[in-house]
Protein backbone atom coordinates (compact mmCIF):
# COMPACT_ATOMS: atom_id res chain seq x y z
CA MET A 1 0.22 -0.41 0.04
CA ARG A 2 1.58 3.41 -0.78
CA TYR A 3 0.43 7.29 0.55
CA VAL A 4 -0.05 9.75 -0.64
CA THR A 5 -0.09 14.22 1.07
CA LEU A 6 -1.68 16.39 0.01
CA ARG A 7 -2.28 19.74 0.32
CA LEU A 8 -6.00 20.55 -1.01
CA SER A 9 -7.23 24.31 -1.57
CA PRO A 10 -9.92 25.70 -2.58
CA SER A 11 -10.47 27.47 -6.16
CA ARG A 12 -12.69 30.66 -5.33
CA GLY A 13 -12.38 33.07 -1.90
CA GLU A 14 -14.85 31.13 -0.11
CA GLY A 15 -12.54 28.69 0.74
CA PHE A 16 -13.96 25.05 0.90
CA HIS A 17 -17.32 26.00 3.01
CA PRO A 18 -18.33 29.55 4.39
CA LEU A 19 -18.79 28.57 7.81
CA GLY A 20 -15.16 27.16 7.74
CA ARG A 21 -13.61 31.23 6.27
CA ARG A 22 -15.54 32.55 9.02
CA LEU A 23 -14.07 30.92 11.44
CA SER A 24 -10.48 30.73 10.48
CA GLU A 25 -11.04 34.35 10.07
CA GLU A 26 -11.76 34.57 14.06
CA PRO A 27 -8.71 35.72 16.25
CA SER A 28 -10.39 33.98 19.05
CA ILE A 29 -10.85 30.38 17.39
CA ARG A 30 -8.36 27.93 16.07
CA ARG A 31 -9.15 24.84 13.57
CA GLU A 32 -7.07 22.01 13.80
CA ALA A 33 -7.58 19.48 13.40
CA ILE A 34 -10.80 17.19 11.27
CA HIS A 35 -10.79 13.96 12.34
CA HIS A 36 -14.30 12.30 10.83
CA VAL A 37 -16.12 13.82 7.82
CA GLU A 38 -18.47 11.58 6.17
CA LEU A 39 -20.86 12.25 3.59
CA LEU A 40 -24.36 11.54 4.06
CA ASP A 41 -26.98 9.59 1.77
CA ASP A 42 -28.99 12.77 1.40
CA GLY A 43 -25.87 15.31 0.16
CA THR A 44 -25.61 16.82 3.92
CA VAL A 45 -22.03 16.23 5.99
CA LEU A 46 -21.12 15.36 9.62
CA LEU A 47 -17.97 16.26 10.61
CA LEU A 48 -15.87 15.96 14.52
CA ALA A 49 -13.45 18.27 13.93
CA GLU A 50 -11.35 19.62 16.84
CA GLY A 51 -10.21 23.84 17.62
CA SER A 52 -8.45 25.30 20.59
CA GLY A 53 -9.37 28.91 22.07
CA ASP A 54 -12.78 31.08 22.39
CA ARG A 55 -15.82 27.50 22.60
CA ASP A 56 -18.52 30.69 23.21
CA ARG A 57 -16.91 32.33 20.23
CA TYR A 58 -17.11 28.86 17.85
CA GLU A 59 -21.22 27.99 19.53
CA GLU A 60 -22.53 31.84 18.89
CA ILE A 61 -21.01 31.02 14.76
CA MET A 62 -22.16 27.85 14.89
CA SER A 63 -25.59 28.92 16.33
CA SER A 64 -26.15 31.63 13.53
CA SER A 65 -25.44 29.81 10.40
CA PRO A 66 -27.43 28.97 7.42
CA SER A 67 -25.17 26.00 7.00
CA VAL A 68 -25.22 24.27 10.49
CA ILE A 69 -28.56 21.92 10.77
CA ASP A 70 -26.70 20.70 14.67
CA TYR A 71 -23.64 20.66 16.30
CA MET A 72 -22.76 19.98 19.70
CA ALA A 73 -19.36 20.20 21.61
CA SER A 74 -17.57 19.44 23.65
CA GLY A 75 -14.80 20.76 26.06
CA THR A 76 -12.53 24.15 27.25
CA ASP A 77 -10.07 25.80 25.34
CA ARG A 78 -9.28 22.91 23.41
CA TRP A 79 -13.07 21.05 22.59
CA MET A 80 -14.02 18.83 20.01
CA ALA A 81 -16.86 19.16 17.96
CA VAL A 82 -19.73 17.61 16.38
CA SER A 83 -21.27 18.92 13.44
CA HIS A 84 -24.29 18.13 11.00
CA LEU A 85 -23.67 20.64 7.70
CA ASP A 86 -24.93 21.30 4.62
CA THR A 87 -22.51 21.29 2.35
CA SER A 88 -20.71 23.06 -0.38
CA GLU A 89 -20.11 22.12 -3.68
CA ALA A 90 -16.47 22.35 -2.76
CA VAL A 91 -17.45 20.05 -0.46
CA ARG A 92 -19.41 17.59 -1.64
CA GLN A 93 -16.49 17.34 -4.83
CA VAL A 94 -13.63 16.72 -2.97
CA MET A 95 -16.10 14.19 -0.63
CA GLU A 96 -17.61 12.23 -4.00
CA TRP A 97 -13.80 12.47 -5.96
CA GLN A 98 -11.86 10.64 -2.82
CA ARG A 99 -14.75 8.12 -2.35
CA ASP A 100 -15.34 7.13 -6.29
CA ALA A 101 -10.87 6.93 -6.09
CA GLU A 102 -11.72 3.66 -4.16
CA VAL A 103 -8.89 5.68 -0.78
CA VAL A 104 -8.42 5.37 2.55
CA ILE A 105 -8.17 9.37 3.99
CA GLU A 106 -6.29 9.12 7.06
CA THR A 107 -6.79 11.48 10.28
CA PRO A 108 -6.66 13.63 11.93
CA MET A 109 -6.78 16.18 8.90
CA LEU A 110 -4.42 19.37 9.15
CA PHE A 111 -6.58 22.76 8.78
CA GLN A 112 -2.64 25.33 7.18
CA SER A 113 -2.62 28.51 7.73
CA ASP A 114 -3.04 29.57 4.50
CA GLY A 115 -6.86 28.22 4.61
CA SER A 116 -6.12 25.05 3.19
CA GLN A 117 -5.92 21.55 4.09
CA ARG A 118 -3.85 18.37 4.22
CA MET A 119 -4.46 15.43 3.42
CA THR A 120 -3.80 11.90 3.99
CA LEU A 121 -4.99 9.66 1.34
CA LEU A 122 -3.51 5.42 1.55
CA GLY A 123 -3.81 3.30 -1.74
CA ASP A 124 -2.26 0.95 -4.52
CA GLN A 125 -1.52 3.14 -7.53
CA ARG A 126 -4.53 2.13 -9.68
CA ALA A 127 -6.39 4.16 -7.49
CA PHE A 128 -4.29 7.16 -7.25
CA LYS A 129 -4.29 7.25 -11.05
CA ARG A 130 -8.60 7.22 -11.19
CA LEU A 131 -7.70 10.00 -8.21
CA PHE A 132 -5.40 12.08 -10.22
CA GLU A 133 -7.33 11.87 -12.94
CA ARG A 134 -10.93 13.15 -11.87
CA ALA A 135 -9.01 16.07 -10.15
CA THR A 136 -7.55 17.97 -12.73
CA ALA A 137 -11.24 18.10 -14.32
CA LEU A 138 -12.91 19.08 -10.75
CA GLU A 139 -13.73 23.29 -10.67
CA SER A 140 -13.67 23.48 -6.81
CA PHE A 141 -10.36 23.04 -5.54
CA SER A 142 -6.59 22.56 -6.50
CA PHE A 143 -4.25 20.22 -4.96
CA GLU A 144 -0.78 19.52 -5.05
CA VAL A 145 1.14 16.45 -4.08
CA VAL A 146 3.57 17.35 -1.06
CA GLU A 147 4.78 13.98 -0.37
CA SER A 148 3.93 9.95 -1.74
CA GLY A 149 6.07 6.74 -0.79
CA GLU A 150 5.72 2.96 0.28
CA TYR A 151 3.47 3.50 3.37
CA GLU A 152 4.69 2.01 6.96
CA PRO A 153 3.90 3.03 10.24
CA SER A 154 6.58 5.31 11.54
CA ALA A 155 7.30 8.77 13.42
CA GLU A 156 6.16 10.41 9.94
CA ARG A 157 2.61 9.00 10.74
CA PHE A 158 2.95 9.74 13.97
CA MET A 159 3.59 13.38 13.81
CA ARG A 160 0.26 13.03 10.87
CA SER A 161 -1.56 11.82 13.75
CA LEU A 162 -0.74 15.27 15.10
CA THR A 163 -2.38 18.47 15.44
CA ALA A 164 -0.71 21.43 13.43
CA ARG A 165 -0.55 24.04 17.30
CA GLN A 166 0.29 19.33 18.60
CA GLN A 167 3.74 19.53 15.17
CA GLU A 168 5.54 23.17 16.24
CA ILE A 169 4.97 23.03 20.71
CA LEU A 170 7.07 19.64 19.59
CA THR A 171 9.18 21.13 17.11
CA THR A 172 9.33 23.60 19.31
CA ALA A 173 10.37 21.81 22.49
CA VAL A 174 12.79 19.57 20.26
CA ASP A 175 14.87 22.63 19.09
CA LEU A 176 15.28 24.22 22.32
CA GLY A 177 16.15 21.86 24.09
CA TYR A 178 13.66 21.15 26.14
CA TYR A 179 14.52 16.60 26.04
CA ARG A 180 17.61 17.37 25.92
CA ALA A 181 19.10 16.26 29.57
CA PRO A 182 19.64 18.14 31.69
CA ARG A 183 16.33 20.41 29.92
CA GLN A 184 18.21 22.71 28.43
CA ALA A 185 14.00 24.49 28.73
CA THR A 186 10.90 25.39 30.86
CA HIS A 187 7.33 24.96 30.11
CA GLU A 188 7.69 28.76 29.89
CA ASP A 189 10.99 29.35 27.20
CA ILE A 190 8.29 27.45 25.10
CA ALA A 191 5.77 29.67 25.92
CA ALA A 192 7.24 32.30 25.52
CA ALA A 193 8.29 31.14 21.68
CA VAL A 194 5.08 29.40 20.97
CA ASP A 195 2.70 32.62 22.54
CA LEU A 196 0.66 30.71 23.93
CA ALA A 197 0.67 30.23 28.15
CA PRO A 198 2.58 27.76 29.40
CA SER A 199 -0.27 26.70 31.14
CA THR A 200 -1.57 25.92 27.58
CA VAL A 201 2.19 24.39 26.15
CA GLY A 202 2.21 21.42 29.28
CA ASP A 203 -1.35 20.45 28.47
CA HIS A 204 -0.08 19.98 25.11
CA LEU A 205 3.17 17.98 25.64
CA ARG A 206 1.40 15.83 28.07
CA LYS A 207 -0.46 14.99 24.98
CA ILE A 208 1.39 14.96 22.55
CA GLU A 209 3.03 11.84 24.90
CA GLU A 210 0.67 10.11 25.60
CA ARG A 211 0.36 9.76 21.84
CA VAL A 212 3.68 8.77 21.88
CA PHE A 213 3.17 5.84 24.41
CA GLU A 214 0.35 4.49 22.51
CA SER A 215 1.57 4.51 19.52
CA MET A 216 4.59 2.27 21.61
CA THR A 217 2.16 -0.08 22.83
CA PRO A 218 1.62 -3.42 20.77
CA SER A 219 -2.83 -3.77 19.57
């Protein structure tokens, strides 16, 4: 089995979905990752996403959006949200494009700061050939191949399992010497570098370390 990591960018200024653009432009909210997305038979979308920041503001945006059928959020500074949404043409095309090519999406899918989305797909050469042939005929988004190769569980796969913010914090912690012996950086040092509170950095590092041990535990 092979993998291809793509960066998908919406072709139009409104983004993949008007709601997504509104959430991305809200400074008190950070969209972290999509953990599950499913195109339902009626054309609507079920989404499990991760966010951080002002959850009250997030709920204000969700409750006032005509494209939101229903939603539920849980958490404080960092939260998970299940949403049932009316889809846009761009989202529908992306979902049908992935489904018809018979590839598997590796989660989480990460949001990029420029509004694009990073997605890793698993499949064989035949599936990827169909995927790319159809993608060139679609007008709602463009794609760039970031990397590809034989799919093997590895440190790279572990990094792809982290949100963009977690990757930033982990990389900063390593660069500053947090994991050296003796330790050369503190939570405060990392926090100053990534513009977060030390307590938030500590929470992120604990979650990252938990995932490290989970990935090392035989299934």
